[in-house]
Amino acid sequence: MKVLSVNAFMRDFGNAIRPQMNMSIYRDNFKCVCGQSHWFDESIELLAEGSMKVMVKCPNDPRYVTSLKIKTFMIFKFKGFESLAGACAQNSDEQEMLDVLKFALR
């Protein structure tokens, strides 16, 4: 997983849209940029969605965000998550950037 600054993370994620996918079928652990593994379910906060990937906020520390690729087989069979990149908001400006993203995509 790439660990990036918040600005680089946003560029790396690419086009972000409001989360629209039904994520209820995706259940698995994922590696968070905070260094821990977390269980992905409806309690995980989605900030944005991209092409077969999602941006999630760490459930333990809201300063951390991770982009997760949704791995599938033949589009229908869920095979788990791959952590692509992550970032940690180091100051109030970076935290505000994440908060604005969350607000804008709701």
PDB file of N, CA and C in Angstrom:
ATOM      1  N   MET A   1       0.845  -1.174   0.000  1.00  0.00           N
ATOM      2  CA  MET A   1       0.000   0.000   0.000  1.00  0.00           C
ATOM      3  C   MET A   1       0.889   1.234   0.000  1.00  0.00           C
ATOM      4  N   LYS A   2       0.513   2.198  -0.815  1.00  0.00           N
ATOM      5  CA  LYS A   2       1.237   3.464  -0.850  1.00  0.00           C
ATOM      6  C   LYS A   2       0.735   4.360   0.278  1.00  0.00           C
ATOM      7  N   VAL A   3       1.652   4.963   1.006  1.00  0.00           N
ATOM      8  CA  VAL A   3       1.296   5.951   2.023  1.00  0.00           C
ATOM      9  C   VAL A   3       1.642   7.312   1.446  1.00  0.00           C
ATOM     10  N   LEU A   4       0.623   8.155   1.300  1.00  0.00           N
ATOM     11  CA  LEU A   4       0.766   9.426   0.608  1.00  0.00           C
ATOM     12  C   LEU A   4       0.310  10.586   1.487  1.00  0.00           C
ATOM     13  N   SER A   5       0.644  11.795   1.047  1.00  0.00           N
ATOM     14  CA  SER A   5       0.058  12.980   1.675  1.00  0.00           C
ATOM     15  C   SER A   5      -1.410  13.024   1.264  1.00  0.00           C
ATOM     16  N   VAL A   6      -2.215  13.815   1.938  1.00  0.00           N
ATOM     17  CA  VAL A   6      -3.640  13.888   1.611  1.00  0.00           C
ATOM     18  C   VAL A   6      -3.834  14.389   0.182  1.00  0.00           C
ATOM     19  N   ASN A   7      -3.077  15.414  -0.234  1.00  0.00           N
ATOM     20  CA  ASN A   7      -3.200  15.924  -1.604  1.00  0.00           C
ATOM     21  C   ASN A   7      -2.847  14.854  -2.628  1.00  0.00           C
ATOM     22  N   ALA A   8      -1.744  14.157  -2.418  1.00  0.00           N
ATOM     23  CA  ALA A   8      -1.320  13.101  -3.344  1.00  0.00           C
ATOM     24  C   ALA A   8      -2.336  11.953  -3.334  1.00  0.00           C
ATOM     25  N   PHE A   9      -2.886  11.650  -2.168  1.00  0.00           N
ATOM     26  CA  PHE A   9      -3.894  10.595  -2.052  1.00  0.00           C
ATOM     27  C   PHE A   9      -5.118  10.930  -2.898  1.00  0.00           C
ATOM     28  N   MET A  10      -5.580  12.173  -2.820  1.00  0.00           N
ATOM     29  CA  MET A  10      -6.751  12.594  -3.591  1.00  0.00           C
ATOM     30  C   MET A  10      -6.479  12.493  -5.095  1.00  0.00           C
ATOM     31  N   ARG A  11      -5.294  12.908  -5.520  1.00  0.00           N
ATOM     32  CA  ARG A  11      -4.931  12.788  -6.939  1.00  0.00           C
ATOM     33  C   ARG A  11      -4.853  11.324  -7.351  1.00  0.00           C
ATOM     34  N   ASP A  12      -4.260  10.494  -6.484  1.00  0.00           N
ATOM     35  CA  ASP A  12      -4.102   9.077  -6.778  1.00  0.00           C
ATOM     36  C   ASP A  12      -5.461   8.374  -6.887  1.00  0.00           C
ATOM     37  N   PHE A  13      -6.419   8.776  -6.065  1.00  0.00           N
ATOM     38  CA  PHE A  13      -7.744   8.144  -6.099  1.00  0.00           C
ATOM     39  C   PHE A  13      -8.441   8.414  -7.425  1.00  0.00           C
ATOM     40  N   GLY A  14      -8.258   9.594  -7.963  1.00  0.00           N
ATOM     41  CA  GLY A  14      -8.885   9.928  -9.247  1.00  0.00           C
ATOM     42  C   GLY A  14     -10.286  10.488  -9.055  1.00  0.00           C
ATOM     43  N   ASN A  15     -11.110  10.292 -10.081  1.00  0.00           N
ATOM     44  CA  ASN A  15     -12.473  10.816 -10.044  1.00  0.00           C
ATOM     45  C   ASN A  15     -13.265  10.161  -8.918  1.00  0.00           C
ATOM     46  N   ALA A  16     -13.734  10.995  -8.029  1.00  0.00           N
ATOM     47  CA  ALA A  16     -14.500  10.520  -6.873  1.00  0.00           C
ATOM     48  C   ALA A  16     -15.943  10.965  -7.031  1.00  0.00           C
ATOM     49  N   ILE A  17     -16.857  10.031  -6.778  1.00  0.00           N
ATOM     50  CA  ILE A  17     -18.277  10.363  -6.814  1.00  0.00           C
ATOM     51  C   ILE A  17     -18.901   9.977  -5.480  1.00  0.00           C
ATOM     52  N   ARG A  18     -20.123  10.437  -5.293  1.00  0.00           N
ATOM     53  CA  ARG A  18     -20.871  10.113  -4.080  1.00  0.00           C
ATOM     54  C   ARG A  18     -21.061   8.596  -4.009  1.00  0.00           C
ATOM     55  N   PRO A  19     -20.856   7.990  -2.850  1.00  0.00           N
ATOM     56  CA  PRO A  19     -21.042   6.543  -2.729  1.00  0.00           C
ATOM     57  C   PRO A  19     -22.472   6.137  -3.097  1.00  0.00           C
ATOM     58  N   GLN A  20     -22.586   5.235  -4.088  1.00  0.00           N
ATOM     59  CA  GLN A  20     -23.889   4.803  -4.565  1.00  0.00           C
ATOM     60  C   GLN A  20     -24.038   3.283  -4.587  1.00  0.00           C
ATOM     61  N   MET A  21     -22.912   2.567  -4.589  1.00  0.00           N
ATOM     62  CA  MET A  21     -22.967   1.111  -4.680  1.00  0.00           C
ATOM     63  C   MET A  21     -23.607   0.507  -3.439  1.00  0.00           C
ATOM     64  N   ASN A  22     -24.297  -0.594  -3.634  1.00  0.00           N
ATOM     65  CA  ASN A  22     -24.808  -1.380  -2.524  1.00  0.00           C
ATOM     66  C   ASN A  22     -23.631  -2.192  -1.986  1.00  0.00           C
ATOM     67  N   MET A  23     -23.091  -1.797  -0.869  1.00  0.00           N
ATOM     68  CA  MET A  23     -21.893  -2.428  -0.314  1.00  0.00           C
ATOM     69  C   MET A  23     -22.235  -3.569   0.649  1.00  0.00           C
ATOM     70  N   SER A  24     -23.513  -3.913   0.779  1.00  0.00           N
ATOM     71  CA  SER A  24     -23.904  -4.926   1.755  1.00  0.00           C
ATOM     72  C   SER A  24     -23.362  -6.316   1.431  1.00  0.00           C
ATOM     73  N   ILE A  25     -22.994  -6.574   0.193  1.00  0.00           N
ATOM     74  CA  ILE A  25     -22.462  -7.895  -0.162  1.00  0.00           C
ATOM     75  C   ILE A  25     -20.966  -8.014   0.074  1.00  0.00           C
ATOM     76  N   TYR A  26     -20.312  -6.907   0.388  1.00  0.00           N
ATOM     77  CA  TYR A  26     -18.866  -6.907   0.577  1.00  0.00           C
ATOM     78  C   TYR A  26     -18.528  -6.960   2.063  1.00  0.00           C
ATOM     79  N   ARG A  27     -18.051  -8.106   2.513  1.00  0.00           N
ATOM     80  CA  ARG A  27     -17.667  -8.310   3.908  1.00  0.00           C
ATOM     81  C   ARG A  27     -16.313  -8.992   3.935  1.00  0.00           C
ATOM     82  N   ASP A  28     -15.332  -8.310   4.499  1.00  0.00           N
ATOM     83  CA  ASP A  28     -13.994  -8.884   4.608  1.00  0.00           C
ATOM     84  C   ASP A  28     -13.127  -7.924   5.414  1.00  0.00           C
ATOM     85  N   ASN A  29     -11.983  -8.396   5.857  1.00  0.00           N
ATOM     86  CA  ASN A  29     -11.000  -7.519   6.492  1.00  0.00           C
ATOM     87  C   ASN A  29     -10.271  -6.729   5.429  1.00  0.00           C
ATOM     88  N   PHE A  30      -9.841  -5.538   5.816  1.00  0.00           N
ATOM     89  CA  PHE A  30      -8.989  -4.752   4.935  1.00  0.00           C
ATOM     90  C   PHE A  30      -7.859  -4.148   5.743  1.00  0.00           C
ATOM     91  N   LYS A  31      -6.739  -3.940   5.098  1.00  0.00           N
ATOM     92  CA  LYS A  31      -5.569  -3.333   5.725  1.00  0.00           C
ATOM     93  C   LYS A  31      -5.725  -1.826   5.650  1.00  0.00           C
ATOM     94  N   CYS A  32      -5.732  -1.191   6.803  1.00  0.00           N
ATOM     95  CA  CYS A  32      -5.891   0.258   6.898  1.00  0.00           C
ATOM     96  C   CYS A  32      -4.511   0.918   6.969  1.00  0.00           C
ATOM     97  N   VAL A  33      -4.434   2.143   6.519  1.00  0.00           N
ATOM     98  CA  VAL A  33      -3.171   2.876   6.577  1.00  0.00           C
ATOM     99  C   VAL A  33      -2.741   3.149   8.018  1.00  0.00           C
ATOM    100  N   CYS A  34      -3.644   3.012   8.969  1.00  0.00           N
ATOM    101  CA  CYS A  34      -3.291   3.197  10.381  1.00  0.00           C
ATOM    102  C   CYS A  34      -2.403   2.059  10.890  1.00  0.00           C
ATOM    103  N   GLY A  35      -2.310   0.966  10.103  1.00  0.00           N
ATOM    104  CA  GLY A  35      -1.463  -0.155  10.481  1.00  0.00           C
ATOM    105  C   GLY A  35      -2.232  -1.368  10.988  1.00  0.00           C
ATOM    106  N   GLN A  36      -3.538  -1.216  11.164  1.00  0.00           N
ATOM    107  CA  GLN A  36      -4.364  -2.319  11.647  1.00  0.00           C
ATOM    108  C   GLN A  36      -5.232  -2.869  10.522  1.00  0.00           C
ATOM    109  N   SER A  37      -5.816  -4.023  10.769  1.00  0.00           N
ATOM    110  CA  SER A  37      -6.837  -4.562   9.878  1.00  0.00           C
ATOM    111  C   SER A  37      -8.187  -4.285  10.511  1.00  0.00           C
ATOM    112  N   HIS A  38      -9.153  -3.962   9.677  1.00  0.00           N
ATOM    113  CA  HIS A  38     -10.512  -3.681  10.146  1.00  0.00           C
ATOM    114  C   HIS A  38     -11.490  -4.538   9.352  1.00  0.00           C
ATOM    115  N   TRP A  39     -12.615  -4.837   9.961  1.00  0.00           N
ATOM    116  CA  TRP A  39     -13.674  -5.572   9.303  1.00  0.00           C
ATOM    117  C   TRP A  39     -14.548  -4.577   8.541  1.00  0.00           C
ATOM    118  N   PHE A  40     -14.751  -4.840   7.244  1.00  0.00           N
ATOM    119  CA  PHE A  40     -15.580  -3.969   6.419  1.00  0.00           C
ATOM    120  C   PHE A  40     -17.036  -4.424   6.506  1.00  0.00           C
ATOM    121  N   ASP A  41     -17.879  -3.531   6.977  1.00  0.00           N
ATOM    122  CA  ASP A  41     -19.326  -3.739   6.987  1.00  0.00           C
ATOM    123  C   ASP A  41     -19.982  -2.370   6.934  1.00  0.00           C
ATOM    124  N   GLU A  42     -21.282  -2.296   7.194  1.00  0.00           N
ATOM    125  CA  GLU A  42     -21.996  -1.018   7.060  1.00  0.00           C
ATOM    126  C   GLU A  42     -21.558   0.031   8.082  1.00  0.00           C
ATOM    127  N   SER A  43     -20.793  -0.350   9.079  1.00  0.00           N
ATOM    128  CA  SER A  43     -20.320   0.634  10.059  1.00  0.00           C
ATOM    129  C   SER A  43     -19.116   1.428   9.545  1.00  0.00           C
ATOM    130  N   ILE A  44     -18.464   0.943   8.497  1.00  0.00           N
ATOM    131  CA  ILE A  44     -17.323   1.662   7.926  1.00  0.00           C
ATOM    132  C   ILE A  44     -17.842   2.837   7.107  1.00  0.00           C
ATOM    133  N   GLU A  45     -17.290   4.014   7.350  1.00  0.00           N
ATOM    134  CA  GLU A  45     -17.748   5.216   6.666  1.00  0.00           C
ATOM    135  C   GLU A  45     -17.091   5.342   5.294  1.00  0.00           C
ATOM    136  N   LEU A  46     -17.931   5.358   4.254  1.00  0.00           N
ATOM    137  CA  LEU A  46     -17.465   5.571   2.888  1.00  0.00           C
ATOM    138  C   LEU A  46     -17.446   7.062   2.607  1.00  0.00           C
ATOM    139  N   LEU A  47     -16.307   7.564   2.135  1.00  0.00           N
ATOM    140  CA  LEU A  47     -16.225   8.972   1.772  1.00  0.00           C
ATOM    141  C   LEU A  47     -16.521   9.184   0.297  1.00  0.00           C
ATOM    142  N   ALA A  48     -16.057   8.246  -0.544  1.00  0.00           N
ATOM    143  CA  ALA A  48     -16.224   8.396  -1.988  1.00  0.00           C
ATOM    144  C   ALA A  48     -16.153   7.029  -2.646  1.00  0.00           C
ATOM    145  N   GLU A  49     -16.540   7.029  -3.897  1.00  0.00           N
ATOM    146  CA  GLU A  49     -16.524   5.824  -4.709  1.00  0.00           C
ATOM    147  C   GLU A  49     -15.833   6.166  -6.027  1.00  0.00           C
ATOM    148  N   GLY A  50     -15.102   5.201  -6.545  1.00  0.00           N
ATOM    149  CA  GLY A  50     -14.478   5.328  -7.855  1.00  0.00           C
ATOM    150  C   GLY A  50     -14.803   4.098  -8.660  1.00  0.00           C
ATOM    151  N   SER A  51     -14.037   3.841  -9.687  1.00  0.00           N
ATOM    152  CA  SER A  51     -14.259   2.677 -10.531  1.00  0.00           C
ATOM    153  C   SER A  51     -13.801   1.414  -9.802  1.00  0.00           C
ATOM    154  N   MET A  52     -14.756   0.663  -9.262  1.00  0.00           N
ATOM    155  CA  MET A  52     -14.502  -0.563  -8.493  1.00  0.00           C
ATOM    156  C   MET A  52     -13.541  -0.337  -7.321  1.00  0.00           C
ATOM    157  N   LYS A  53     -13.611   0.851  -6.736  1.00  0.00           N
ATOM    158  CA  LYS A  53     -12.855   1.131  -5.525  1.00  0.00           C
ATOM    159  C   LYS A  53     -13.639   2.114  -4.675  1.00  0.00           C
ATOM    160  N   VAL A  54     -13.305   2.143  -3.391  1.00  0.00           N
ATOM    161  CA  VAL A  54     -13.959   3.042  -2.453  1.00  0.00           C
ATOM    162  C   VAL A  54     -12.910   3.697  -1.559  1.00  0.00           C
ATOM    163  N   MET A  55     -13.256   4.866  -1.064  1.00  0.00           N
ATOM    164  CA  MET A  55     -12.420   5.581  -0.104  1.00  0.00           C
ATOM    165  C   MET A  55     -13.116   5.468   1.248  1.00  0.00           C
ATOM    166  N   VAL A  56     -12.396   4.920   2.234  1.00  0.00           N
ATOM    167  CA  VAL A  56     -12.992   4.690   3.547  1.00  0.00           C
ATOM    168  C   VAL A  56     -12.203   5.426   4.627  1.00  0.00           C
ATOM    169  N   LYS A  57     -12.930   5.794   5.664  1.00  0.00           N
ATOM    170  CA  LYS A  57     -12.327   6.431   6.830  1.00  0.00           C
ATOM    171  C   LYS A  57     -12.043   5.358   7.864  1.00  0.00           C
ATOM    172  N   CYS A  58     -10.908   5.455   8.517  1.00  0.00           N
ATOM    173  CA  CYS A  58     -10.538   4.503   9.563  1.00  0.00           C
ATOM    174  C   CYS A  58     -11.570   4.571  10.691  1.00  0.00           C
ATOM    175  N   PRO A  59     -12.076   3.422  11.143  1.00  0.00           N
ATOM    176  CA  PRO A  59     -13.065   3.445  12.227  1.00  0.00           C
ATOM    177  C   PRO A  59     -12.481   3.826  13.585  1.00  0.00           C
ATOM    178  N   ASN A  60     -11.158   3.747  13.735  1.00  0.00           N
ATOM    179  CA  ASN A  60     -10.529   4.061  15.017  1.00  0.00           C
ATOM    180  C   ASN A  60      -9.977   5.481  15.090  1.00  0.00           C
ATOM    181  N   ASP A  61      -9.601   6.053  13.949  1.00  0.00           N
ATOM    182  CA  ASP A  61      -8.999   7.386  13.930  1.00  0.00           C
ATOM    183  C   ASP A  61      -9.405   8.082  12.634  1.00  0.00           C
ATOM    184  N   PRO A  62     -10.279   9.097  12.702  1.00  0.00           N
ATOM    185  CA  PRO A  62     -10.804   9.743  11.497  1.00  0.00           C
ATOM    186  C   PRO A  62      -9.766  10.525  10.685  1.00  0.00           C
ATOM    187  N   ARG A  63      -8.536  10.616  11.187  1.00  0.00           N
ATOM    188  CA  ARG A  63      -7.489  11.282  10.400  1.00  0.00           C
ATOM    189  C   ARG A  63      -6.993  10.402   9.258  1.00  0.00           C
ATOM    190  N   TYR A  64      -7.242   9.093   9.324  1.00  0.00           N
ATOM    191  CA  TYR A  64      -6.736   8.151   8.325  1.00  0.00           C
ATOM    192  C   TYR A  64      -7.806   7.811   7.290  1.00  0.00           C
ATOM    193  N   VAL A  65      -7.393   7.810   6.019  1.00  0.00           N
ATOM    194  CA  VAL A  65      -8.269   7.377   4.925  1.00  0.00           C
ATOM    195  C   VAL A  65      -7.505   6.382   4.057  1.00  0.00           C
ATOM    196  N   THR A  66      -8.234   5.391   3.535  1.00  0.00           N
ATOM    197  CA  THR A  66      -7.631   4.339   2.728  1.00  0.00           C
ATOM    198  C   THR A  66      -8.482   4.124   1.484  1.00  0.00           C
ATOM    199  N   SER A  67      -7.831   3.910   0.347  1.00  0.00           N
ATOM    200  CA  SER A  67      -8.573   3.530  -0.854  1.00  0.00           C
ATOM    201  C   SER A  67      -8.471   2.020  -1.024  1.00  0.00           C
ATOM    202  N   LEU A  68      -9.635   1.405  -1.247  1.00  0.00           N
ATOM    203  CA  LEU A  68      -9.732  -0.047  -1.349  1.00  0.00           C
ATOM    204  C   LEU A  68     -10.248  -0.450  -2.720  1.00  0.00           C
ATOM    205  N   LYS A  69      -9.514  -1.319  -3.376  1.00  0.00           N
ATOM    206  CA  LYS A  69      -9.992  -1.907  -4.620  1.00  0.00           C
ATOM    207  C   LYS A  69     -10.873  -3.087  -4.268  1.00  0.00           C
ATOM    208  N   ILE A  70     -12.020  -3.186  -4.926  1.00  0.00           N
ATOM    209  CA  ILE A  70     -12.929  -4.306  -4.715  1.00  0.00           C
ATOM    210  C   ILE A  70     -12.550  -5.381  -5.723  1.00  0.00           C
ATOM    211  N   LYS A  71     -11.998  -6.479  -5.213  1.00  0.00           N
ATOM    212  CA  LYS A  71     -11.565  -7.562  -6.093  1.00  0.00           C
ATOM    213  C   LYS A  71     -12.725  -8.526  -6.329  1.00  0.00           C
ATOM    214  N   THR A  72     -12.942  -8.847  -7.594  1.00  0.00           N
ATOM    215  CA  THR A  72     -14.019  -9.760  -7.962  1.00  0.00           C
ATOM    216  C   THR A  72     -13.516 -10.780  -8.976  1.00  0.00           C
ATOM    217  N   PHE A  73     -14.274 -11.840  -9.121  1.00  0.00           N
ATOM    218  CA  PHE A  73     -14.035 -12.841 -10.155  1.00  0.00           C
ATOM    219  C   PHE A  73     -15.256 -12.827 -11.065  1.00  0.00           C
ATOM    220  N   MET A  74     -15.032 -12.566 -12.330  1.00  0.00           N
ATOM    221  CA  MET A  74     -16.120 -12.527 -13.318  1.00  0.00           C
ATOM    222  C   MET A  74     -17.205 -11.528 -12.890  1.00  0.00           C
ATOM    223  N   ILE A  75     -16.837 -10.461 -12.263  1.00  0.00           N
ATOM    224  CA  ILE A  75     -17.674  -9.348 -11.814  1.00  0.00           C
ATOM    225  C   ILE A  75     -18.637  -9.727 -10.683  1.00  0.00           C
ATOM    226  N   PHE A  76     -19.022 -10.966 -10.566  1.00  0.00           N
ATOM    227  CA  PHE A  76     -20.074 -11.351  -9.628  1.00  0.00           C
ATOM    228  C   PHE A  76     -19.571 -11.893  -8.295  1.00  0.00           C
ATOM    229  N   LYS A  77     -18.441 -12.546  -8.262  1.00  0.00           N
ATOM    230  CA  LYS A  77     -17.958 -13.189  -7.038  1.00  0.00           C
ATOM    231  C   LYS A  77     -16.967 -12.272  -6.332  1.00  0.00           C
ATOM    232  N   PHE A  78     -17.293 -11.869  -5.126  1.00  0.00           N
ATOM    233  CA  PHE A  78     -16.424 -11.002  -4.329  1.00  0.00           C
ATOM    234  C   PHE A  78     -15.226 -11.804  -3.826  1.00  0.00           C
ATOM    235  N   LYS A  79     -14.028 -11.274  -4.062  1.00  0.00           N
ATOM    236  CA  LYS A  79     -12.795 -11.969  -3.689  1.00  0.00           C
ATOM    237  C   LYS A  79     -11.995 -11.234  -2.607  1.00  0.00           C
ATOM    238  N   GLY A  80     -12.511 -10.116  -2.086  1.00  0.00           N
ATOM    239  CA  GLY A  80     -11.809  -9.399  -1.026  1.00  0.00           C
ATOM    240  C   GLY A  80     -11.434  -7.987  -1.431  1.00  0.00           C
ATOM    241  N   PHE A  81     -10.672  -7.354  -0.570  1.00  0.00           N
ATOM    242  CA  PHE A  81     -10.227  -5.981  -0.807  1.00  0.00           C
ATOM    243  C   PHE A  81      -8.716  -5.950  -0.972  1.00  0.00           C
ATOM    244  N   GLU A  82      -8.268  -5.021  -1.783  1.00  0.00           N
ATOM    245  CA  GLU A  82      -6.844  -4.731  -1.897  1.00  0.00           C
ATOM    246  C   GLU A  82      -6.658  -3.268  -1.507  1.00  0.00           C
ATOM    247  N   SER A  83      -5.839  -3.017  -0.503  1.00  0.00           N
ATOM    248  CA  SER A  83      -5.570  -1.649  -0.073  1.00  0.00           C
ATOM    249  C   SER A  83      -4.580  -1.028  -1.055  1.00  0.00           C
ATOM    250  N   LEU A  84      -5.015   0.013  -1.752  1.00  0.00           N
ATOM    251  CA  LEU A  84      -4.194   0.640  -2.779  1.00  0.00           C
ATOM    252  C   LEU A  84      -3.305   1.742  -2.216  1.00  0.00           C
ATOM    253  N   ALA A  85      -3.907   2.639  -1.428  1.00  0.00           N
ATOM    254  CA  ALA A  85      -3.166   3.787  -0.897  1.00  0.00           C
ATOM    255  C   ALA A  85      -3.867   4.294   0.358  1.00  0.00           C
ATOM    256  N   GLY A  86      -3.143   5.078   1.117  1.00  0.00           N
ATOM    257  CA  GLY A  86      -3.713   5.664   2.317  1.00  0.00           C
ATOM    258  C   GLY A  86      -3.024   6.966   2.656  1.00  0.00           C
ATOM    259  N   ALA A  87      -3.675   7.736   3.516  1.00  0.00           N
ATOM    260  CA  ALA A  87      -3.118   9.015   3.942  1.00  0.00           C
ATOM    261  C   ALA A  87      -3.584   9.319   5.355  1.00  0.00           C
ATOM    262  N   CYS A  88      -2.831  10.176   6.011  1.00  0.00           N
ATOM    263  CA  CYS A  88      -3.190  10.656   7.339  1.00  0.00           C
ATOM    264  C   CYS A  88      -3.193  12.176   7.318  1.00  0.00           C
ATOM    265  N   ALA A  89      -4.292  12.771   7.738  1.00  0.00           N
ATOM    266  CA  ALA A  89      -4.369  14.230   7.822  1.00  0.00           C
ATOM    267  C   ALA A  89      -3.429  14.697   8.929  1.00  0.00           C
ATOM    268  N   GLN A  90      -2.394  15.415   8.544  1.00  0.00           N
ATOM    269  CA  GLN A  90      -1.357  15.838   9.480  1.00  0.00           C
ATOM    270  C   GLN A  90      -1.664  17.163  10.173  1.00  0.00           C
ATOM    271  N   ASN A  91      -2.587  17.939   9.601  1.00  0.00           N
ATOM    272  CA  ASN A  91      -2.896  19.246  10.189  1.00  0.00           C
ATOM    273  C   ASN A  91      -4.365  19.578   9.934  1.00  0.00           C
ATOM    274  N   SER A  92      -4.802  20.710  10.436  1.00  0.00           N
ATOM    275  CA  SER A  92      -6.218  21.077  10.335  1.00  0.00           C
ATOM    276  C   SER A  92      -6.636  21.341   8.888  1.00  0.00           C
ATOM    277  N   ASP A  93      -5.725  21.838   8.042  1.00  0.00           N
ATOM    278  CA  ASP A  93      -6.057  22.071   6.633  1.00  0.00           C
ATOM    279  C   ASP A  93      -6.346  20.764   5.908  1.00  0.00           C
ATOM    280  N   GLU A  94      -5.537  19.740   6.156  1.00  0.00           N
ATOM    281  CA  GLU A  94      -5.763  18.445   5.516  1.00  0.00           C
ATOM    282  C   GLU A  94      -7.033  17.789   6.051  1.00  0.00           C
ATOM    283  N   GLN A  95      -7.298  17.927   7.349  1.00  0.00           N
ATOM    284  CA  GLN A  95      -8.530  17.377   7.916  1.00  0.00           C
ATOM    285  C   GLN A  95      -9.739  18.089   7.329  1.00  0.00           C
ATOM    286  N   GLU A  96      -9.621  19.392   7.138  1.00  0.00           N
ATOM    287  CA  GLU A  96     -10.719  20.151   6.542  1.00  0.00           C
ATOM    288  C   GLU A  96     -10.969  19.701   5.101  1.00  0.00           C
ATOM    289  N   MET A  97      -9.901  19.369   4.369  1.00  0.00           N
ATOM    290  CA  MET A  97     -10.048  18.881   3.007  1.00  0.00           C
ATOM    291  C   MET A  97     -10.869  17.586   2.988  1.00  0.00           C
ATOM    292  N   LEU A  98     -10.601  16.684   3.920  1.00  0.00           N
ATOM    293  CA  LEU A  98     -11.364  15.435   4.006  1.00  0.00           C
ATOM    294  C   LEU A  98     -12.813  15.702   4.416  1.00  0.00           C
ATOM    295  N   ASP A  99     -13.010  16.637   5.329  1.00  0.00           N
ATOM    296  CA  ASP A  99     -14.364  16.976   5.765  1.00  0.00           C
ATOM    297  C   ASP A  99     -15.173  17.600   4.628  1.00  0.00           C
ATOM    298  N   VAL A 100     -14.533  18.457   3.824  1.00  0.00           N
ATOM    299  CA  VAL A 100     -15.205  19.085   2.685  1.00  0.00           C
ATOM    300  C   VAL A 100     -15.575  18.025   1.650  1.00  0.00           C
ATOM    301  N   LEU A 101     -14.670  17.083   1.408  1.00  0.00           N
ATOM    302  CA  LEU A 101     -14.966  15.991   0.476  1.00  0.00           C
ATOM    303  C   LEU A 101     -16.198  15.219   0.946  1.00  0.00           C
ATOM    304  N   LYS A 102     -16.208  14.881   2.212  1.00  0.00           N
ATOM    305  CA  LYS A 102     -17.345  14.148   2.782  1.00  0.00           C
ATOM    306  C   LYS A 102     -18.637  14.933   2.617  1.00  0.00           C
ATOM    307  N   PHE A 103     -18.588  16.223   2.911  1.00  0.00           N
ATOM    308  CA  PHE A 103     -19.777  17.079   2.808  1.00  0.00           C
ATOM    309  C   PHE A 103     -20.225  17.219   1.347  1.00  0.00           C
ATOM    310  N   ALA A 104     -19.267  17.411   0.438  1.00  0.00           N
ATOM    311  CA  ALA A 104     -19.592  17.641  -0.967  1.00  0.00           C
ATOM    312  C   ALA A 104     -20.198  16.409  -1.638  1.00  0.00           C
ATOM    313  N   LEU A 105     -19.790  15.233  -1.192  1.00  0.00           N
ATOM    314  CA  LEU A 105     -20.262  13.995  -1.833  1.00  0.00           C
ATOM    315  C   LEU A 105     -21.443  13.359  -1.108  1.00  0.00           C
ATOM    316  N   ARG A 106     -22.053  14.039  -0.181  1.00  0.00           N
ATOM    317  CA  ARG A 106     -23.241  13.507   0.515  1.00  0.00           C
ATOM    318  C   ARG A 106     -24.491  13.920  -0.187  1.00  0.00           C
TER     319      ARG A 106
END
